[in-house]
Amino acid sequence: MNIYYVTYCLSKACLGEISENFSKIYWSFDKYKNITVYFYLISEIEEDVDIIWKKYYPC
């Protein structure tokens, strides 16, 4: 699957539905082929940060 398509699907599914404060999604790849996804916020609002942690890191 194309990384651009995955980014498009994530942005459509996540950015507007979770919070209006989301602005962009960025990817990071390391030498071990691990992928990190960054969700950038327009402004840092503690509630939005908590929402991200609860939705994507439920443990």
PDB file of N, CA and C in Angstrom:
ATOM      1  N   MET A   1       0.839  -1.171   0.000  1.00  0.00           N
ATOM      2  CA  MET A   1       0.000   0.000   0.000  1.00  0.00           C
ATOM      3  C   MET A   1       0.889   1.241   0.000  1.00  0.00           C
ATOM      4  N   ASN A   2       0.509   2.204  -0.747  1.00  0.00           N
ATOM      5  CA  ASN A   2       1.247   3.439  -0.916  1.00  0.00           C
ATOM      6  C   ASN A   2       1.159   4.307   0.344  1.00  0.00           C
ATOM      7  N   ILE A   3       2.297   4.853   0.793  1.00  0.00           N
ATOM      8  CA  ILE A   3       2.336   5.676   2.007  1.00  0.00           C
ATOM      9  C   ILE A   3       1.466   6.916   1.868  1.00  0.00           C
ATOM     10  N   TYR A   4       1.352   7.449   0.659  1.00  0.00           N
ATOM     11  CA  TYR A   4       0.510   8.623   0.450  1.00  0.00           C
ATOM     12  C   TYR A   4      -0.967   8.279   0.622  1.00  0.00           C
ATOM     13  N   TYR A   5      -1.345   7.100   0.177  1.00  0.00           N
ATOM     14  CA  TYR A   5      -2.730   6.658   0.342  1.00  0.00           C
ATOM     15  C   TYR A   5      -3.052   6.415   1.815  1.00  0.00           C
ATOM     16  N   VAL A   6      -2.127   5.817   2.539  1.00  0.00           N
ATOM     17  CA  VAL A   6      -2.323   5.587   3.976  1.00  0.00           C
ATOM     18  C   VAL A   6      -2.468   6.923   4.702  1.00  0.00           C
ATOM     19  N   THR A   7      -1.620   7.892   4.361  1.00  0.00           N
ATOM     20  CA  THR A   7      -1.716   9.216   4.971  1.00  0.00           C
ATOM     21  C   THR A   7      -3.058   9.861   4.659  1.00  0.00           C
ATOM     22  N   TYR A   8      -3.499   9.736   3.428  1.00  0.00           N
ATOM     23  CA  TYR A   8      -4.799  10.296   3.037  1.00  0.00           C
ATOM     24  C   TYR A   8      -5.926   9.664   3.850  1.00  0.00           C
ATOM     25  N   CYS A   9      -5.916   8.352   3.970  1.00  0.00           N
ATOM     26  CA  CYS A   9      -6.967   7.654   4.724  1.00  0.00           C
ATOM     27  C   CYS A   9      -6.933   8.035   6.200  1.00  0.00           C
ATOM     28  N   LEU A  10      -5.740   8.115   6.775  1.00  0.00           N
ATOM     29  CA  LEU A  10      -5.625   8.526   8.174  1.00  0.00           C
ATOM     30  C   LEU A  10      -6.148   9.940   8.379  1.00  0.00           C
ATOM     31  N   SER A  11      -5.802  10.823   7.477  1.00  0.00           N
ATOM     32  CA  SER A  11      -6.236  12.208   7.645  1.00  0.00           C
ATOM     33  C   SER A  11      -7.747  12.329   7.526  1.00  0.00           C
ATOM     34  N   LYS A  12      -8.349  11.593   6.617  1.00  0.00           N
ATOM     35  CA  LYS A  12      -9.805  11.633   6.471  1.00  0.00           C
ATOM     36  C   LYS A  12     -10.496  11.001   7.663  1.00  0.00           C
ATOM     37  N   ALA A  13      -9.931   9.928   8.187  1.00  0.00           N
ATOM     38  CA  ALA A  13     -10.559   9.206   9.292  1.00  0.00           C
ATOM     39  C   ALA A  13     -10.325   9.879  10.637  1.00  0.00           C
ATOM     40  N   CYS A  14      -9.184  10.527  10.801  1.00  0.00           N
ATOM     41  CA  CYS A  14      -8.793  11.003  12.133  1.00  0.00           C
ATOM     42  C   CYS A  14      -8.878  12.506  12.318  1.00  0.00           C
ATOM     43  N   LEU A  15      -8.347  13.245  11.396  1.00  0.00           N
ATOM     44  CA  LEU A  15      -8.098  14.656  11.666  1.00  0.00           C
ATOM     45  C   LEU A  15      -9.344  15.447  12.012  1.00  0.00           C
ATOM     46  N   GLY A  16     -10.401  15.290  11.252  1.00  0.00           N
ATOM     47  CA  GLY A  16     -11.598  16.065  11.534  1.00  0.00           C
ATOM     48  C   GLY A  16     -12.498  15.451  12.576  1.00  0.00           C
ATOM     49  N   GLU A  17     -12.441  14.132  12.728  1.00  0.00           N
ATOM     50  CA  GLU A  17     -13.372  13.455  13.624  1.00  0.00           C
ATOM     51  C   GLU A  17     -12.956  13.534  15.085  1.00  0.00           C
ATOM     52  N   ILE A  18     -11.683  13.502  15.360  1.00  0.00           N
ATOM     53  CA  ILE A  18     -11.216  13.520  16.745  1.00  0.00           C
ATOM     54  C   ILE A  18     -11.268  14.944  17.295  1.00  0.00           C
ATOM     55  N   SER A  19     -10.725  15.879  16.550  1.00  0.00           N
ATOM     56  CA  SER A  19     -10.680  17.270  17.008  1.00  0.00           C
ATOM     57  C   SER A  19     -10.419  18.179  15.817  1.00  0.00           C
ATOM     58  N   GLU A  20     -10.968  19.366  15.866  1.00  0.00           N
ATOM     59  CA  GLU A  20     -10.717  20.366  14.819  1.00  0.00           C
ATOM     60  C   GLU A  20      -9.314  20.960  14.935  1.00  0.00           C
ATOM     61  N   ASN A  21      -8.622  20.628  15.996  1.00  0.00           N
ATOM     62  CA  ASN A  21      -7.310  21.192  16.275  1.00  0.00           C
ATOM     63  C   ASN A  21      -6.182  20.513  15.493  1.00  0.00           C
ATOM     64  N   PHE A  22      -6.429  19.377  14.866  1.00  0.00           N
ATOM     65  CA  PHE A  22      -5.393  18.686  14.107  1.00  0.00           C
ATOM     66  C   PHE A  22      -5.062  19.445  12.835  1.00  0.00           C
ATOM     67  N   SER A  23      -3.786  19.468  12.477  1.00  0.00           N
ATOM     68  CA  SER A  23      -3.408  20.155  11.249  1.00  0.00           C
ATOM     69  C   SER A  23      -2.734  19.243  10.235  1.00  0.00           C
ATOM     70  N   LYS A  24      -1.815  18.367  10.663  1.00  0.00           N
ATOM     71  CA  LYS A  24      -1.050  17.551   9.716  1.00  0.00           C
ATOM     72  C   LYS A  24      -0.665  16.221  10.335  1.00  0.00           C
ATOM     73  N   ILE A  25      -0.313  15.286   9.458  1.00  0.00           N
ATOM     74  CA  ILE A  25       0.249  14.005   9.870  1.00  0.00           C
ATOM     75  C   ILE A  25       1.632  13.889   9.235  1.00  0.00           C
ATOM     76  N   TYR A  26       2.617  13.515  10.039  1.00  0.00           N
ATOM     77  CA  TYR A  26       3.972  13.283   9.535  1.00  0.00           C
ATOM     78  C   TYR A  26       4.418  11.876   9.901  1.00  0.00           C
ATOM     79  N   TRP A  27       5.313  11.326   9.088  1.00  0.00           N
ATOM     80  CA  TRP A  27       5.851   9.983   9.295  1.00  0.00           C
ATOM     81  C   TRP A  27       7.337  10.075   9.557  1.00  0.00           C
ATOM     82  N   SER A  28       7.831   9.137  10.352  1.00  0.00           N
ATOM     83  CA  SER A  28       9.263   9.026  10.600  1.00  0.00           C
ATOM     84  C   SER A  28       9.637   7.551  10.497  1.00  0.00           C
ATOM     85  N   PHE A  29      10.731   7.272   9.799  1.00  0.00           N
ATOM     86  CA  PHE A  29      11.220   5.905   9.632  1.00  0.00           C
ATOM     87  C   PHE A  29      12.636   5.831  10.185  1.00  0.00           C
ATOM     88  N   ASP A  30      12.921   4.798  10.960  1.00  0.00           N
ATOM     89  CA  ASP A  30      14.280   4.647  11.464  1.00  0.00           C
ATOM     90  C   ASP A  30      14.999   3.519  10.722  1.00  0.00           C
ATOM     91  N   LYS A  31      16.249   3.274  11.093  1.00  0.00           N
ATOM     92  CA  LYS A  31      17.054   2.276  10.385  1.00  0.00           C
ATOM     93  C   LYS A  31      16.560   0.851  10.599  1.00  0.00           C
ATOM     94  N   TYR A  32      15.694   0.640  11.602  1.00  0.00           N
ATOM     95  CA  TYR A  32      15.142  -0.689  11.867  1.00  0.00           C
ATOM     96  C   TYR A  32      13.773  -0.882  11.221  1.00  0.00           C
ATOM     97  N   LYS A  33      13.395   0.045  10.356  1.00  0.00           N
ATOM     98  CA  LYS A  33      12.126   0.028   9.625  1.00  0.00           C
ATOM     99  C   LYS A  33      10.911   0.215  10.535  1.00  0.00           C
ATOM    100  N   ASN A  34      11.128   0.849  11.676  1.00  0.00           N
ATOM    101  CA  ASN A  34      10.007   1.226  12.538  1.00  0.00           C
ATOM    102  C   ASN A  34       9.400   2.515  12.004  1.00  0.00           C
ATOM    103  N   ILE A  35       8.106   2.624  12.104  1.00  0.00           N
ATOM    104  CA  ILE A  35       7.401   3.809  11.636  1.00  0.00           C
ATOM    105  C   ILE A  35       6.787   4.521  12.841  1.00  0.00           C
ATOM    106  N   THR A  36       6.997   5.824  12.900  1.00  0.00           N
ATOM    107  CA  THR A  36       6.362   6.651  13.917  1.00  0.00           C
ATOM    108  C   THR A  36       5.457   7.638  13.199  1.00  0.00           C
ATOM    109  N   VAL A  37       4.232   7.758  13.666  1.00  0.00           N
ATOM    110  CA  VAL A  37       3.274   8.697  13.083  1.00  0.00           C
ATOM    111  C   VAL A  37       3.113   9.860  14.049  1.00  0.00           C
ATOM    112  N   TYR A  38       3.267  11.074  13.528  1.00  0.00           N
ATOM    113  CA  TYR A  38       3.113  12.281  14.336  1.00  0.00           C
ATOM    114  C   TYR A  38       1.852  13.015  13.906  1.00  0.00           C
ATOM    115  N   PHE A  39       1.019  13.365  14.866  1.00  0.00           N
ATOM    116  CA  PHE A  39      -0.171  14.165  14.623  1.00  0.00           C
ATOM    117  C   PHE A  39       0.118  15.574  15.139  1.00  0.00           C
ATOM    118  N   TYR A  40       0.222  16.524  14.233  1.00  0.00           N
ATOM    119  CA  TYR A  40       0.522  17.893  14.629  1.00  0.00           C
ATOM    120  C   TYR A  40      -0.761  18.655  14.920  1.00  0.00           C
ATOM    121  N   LEU A  41      -0.740  19.403  16.009  1.00  0.00           N
ATOM    122  CA  LEU A  41      -1.887  20.199  16.422  1.00  0.00           C
ATOM    123  C   LEU A  41      -1.665  21.660  16.041  1.00  0.00           C
ATOM    124  N   ILE A  42      -2.752  22.359  15.761  1.00  0.00           N
ATOM    125  CA  ILE A  42      -2.665  23.785  15.465  1.00  0.00           C
ATOM    126  C   ILE A  42      -2.181  24.521  16.708  1.00  0.00           C
ATOM    127  N   SER A  43      -2.755  24.202  17.837  1.00  0.00           N
ATOM    128  CA  SER A  43      -2.295  24.748  19.112  1.00  0.00           C
ATOM    129  C   SER A  43      -2.390  23.647  20.158  1.00  0.00           C
ATOM    130  N   GLU A  44      -1.506  23.694  21.139  1.00  0.00           N
ATOM    131  CA  GLU A  44      -1.483  22.640  22.148  1.00  0.00           C
ATOM    132  C   GLU A  44      -2.574  22.888  23.185  1.00  0.00           C
ATOM    133  N   ILE A  45      -3.558  22.032  23.148  1.00  0.00           N
ATOM    134  CA  ILE A  45      -4.652  22.072  24.108  1.00  0.00           C
ATOM    135  C   ILE A  45      -4.608  20.745  24.851  1.00  0.00           C
ATOM    136  N   GLU A  46      -4.517  20.801  26.157  1.00  0.00           N
ATOM    137  CA  GLU A  46      -4.323  19.589  26.957  1.00  0.00           C
ATOM    138  C   GLU A  46      -5.405  18.541  26.694  1.00  0.00           C
ATOM    139  N   GLU A  47      -6.640  18.965  26.473  1.00  0.00           N
ATOM    140  CA  GLU A  47      -7.724  18.016  26.193  1.00  0.00           C
ATOM    141  C   GLU A  47      -7.460  17.236  24.908  1.00  0.00           C
ATOM    142  N   ASP A  48      -6.964  17.915  23.876  1.00  0.00           N
ATOM    143  CA  ASP A  48      -6.669  17.242  22.615  1.00  0.00           C
ATOM    144  C   ASP A  48      -5.526  16.251  22.769  1.00  0.00           C
ATOM    145  N   VAL A  49      -4.518  16.610  23.538  1.00  0.00           N
ATOM    146  CA  VAL A  49      -3.406  15.695  23.791  1.00  0.00           C
ATOM    147  C   VAL A  49      -3.920  14.458  24.521  1.00  0.00           C
ATOM    148  N   ASP A  50      -4.792  14.646  25.500  1.00  0.00           N
ATOM    149  CA  ASP A  50      -5.378  13.517  26.229  1.00  0.00           C
ATOM    150  C   ASP A  50      -6.204  12.628  25.311  1.00  0.00           C
ATOM    151  N   ILE A  51      -6.949  13.234  24.392  1.00  0.00           N
ATOM    152  CA  ILE A  51      -7.757  12.462  23.442  1.00  0.00           C
ATOM    153  C   ILE A  51      -6.861  11.578  22.583  1.00  0.00           C
ATOM    154  N   ILE A  52      -5.753  12.131  22.099  1.00  0.00           N
ATOM    155  CA  ILE A  52      -4.823  11.354  21.269  1.00  0.00           C
ATOM    156  C   ILE A  52      -4.280  10.176  22.062  1.00  0.00           C
ATOM    157  N   TRP A  53      -3.833  10.427  23.283  1.00  0.00           N
ATOM    158  CA  TRP A  53      -3.267   9.346  24.096  1.00  0.00           C
ATOM    159  C   TRP A  53      -4.300   8.264  24.370  1.00  0.00           C
ATOM    160  N   LYS A  54      -5.519   8.634  24.677  1.00  0.00           N
ATOM    161  CA  LYS A  54      -6.548   7.641  24.983  1.00  0.00           C
ATOM    162  C   LYS A  54      -6.945   6.834  23.756  1.00  0.00           C
ATOM    163  N   LYS A  55      -6.989   7.487  22.597  1.00  0.00           N
ATOM    164  CA  LYS A  55      -7.424   6.797  21.385  1.00  0.00           C
ATOM    165  C   LYS A  55      -6.337   5.891  20.813  1.00  0.00           C
ATOM    166  N   TYR A  56      -5.084   6.354  20.807  1.00  0.00           N
ATOM    167  CA  TYR A  56      -4.024   5.616  20.126  1.00  0.00           C
ATOM    168  C   TYR A  56      -3.071   4.882  21.062  1.00  0.00           C
ATOM    169  N   TYR A  57      -3.115   5.184  22.340  1.00  0.00           N
ATOM    170  CA  TYR A  57      -2.277   4.498  23.323  1.00  0.00           C
ATOM    171  C   TYR A  57      -3.141   4.115  24.520  1.00  0.00           C
ATOM    172  N   PRO A  58      -4.090   3.194  24.323  1.00  0.00           N
ATOM    173  CA  PRO A  58      -5.083   2.909  25.362  1.00  0.00           C
ATOM    174  C   PRO A  58      -4.546   2.188  26.600  1.00  0.00           C
ATOM    175  N   CYS A  59      -3.341   1.688  26.569  1.00  0.00           N
ATOM    176  CA  CYS A  59      -2.819   0.916  27.712  1.00  0.00           C
ATOM    177  C   CYS A  59      -2.559   1.760  28.919  1.00  0.00           C
TER     178      CYS A  59
END
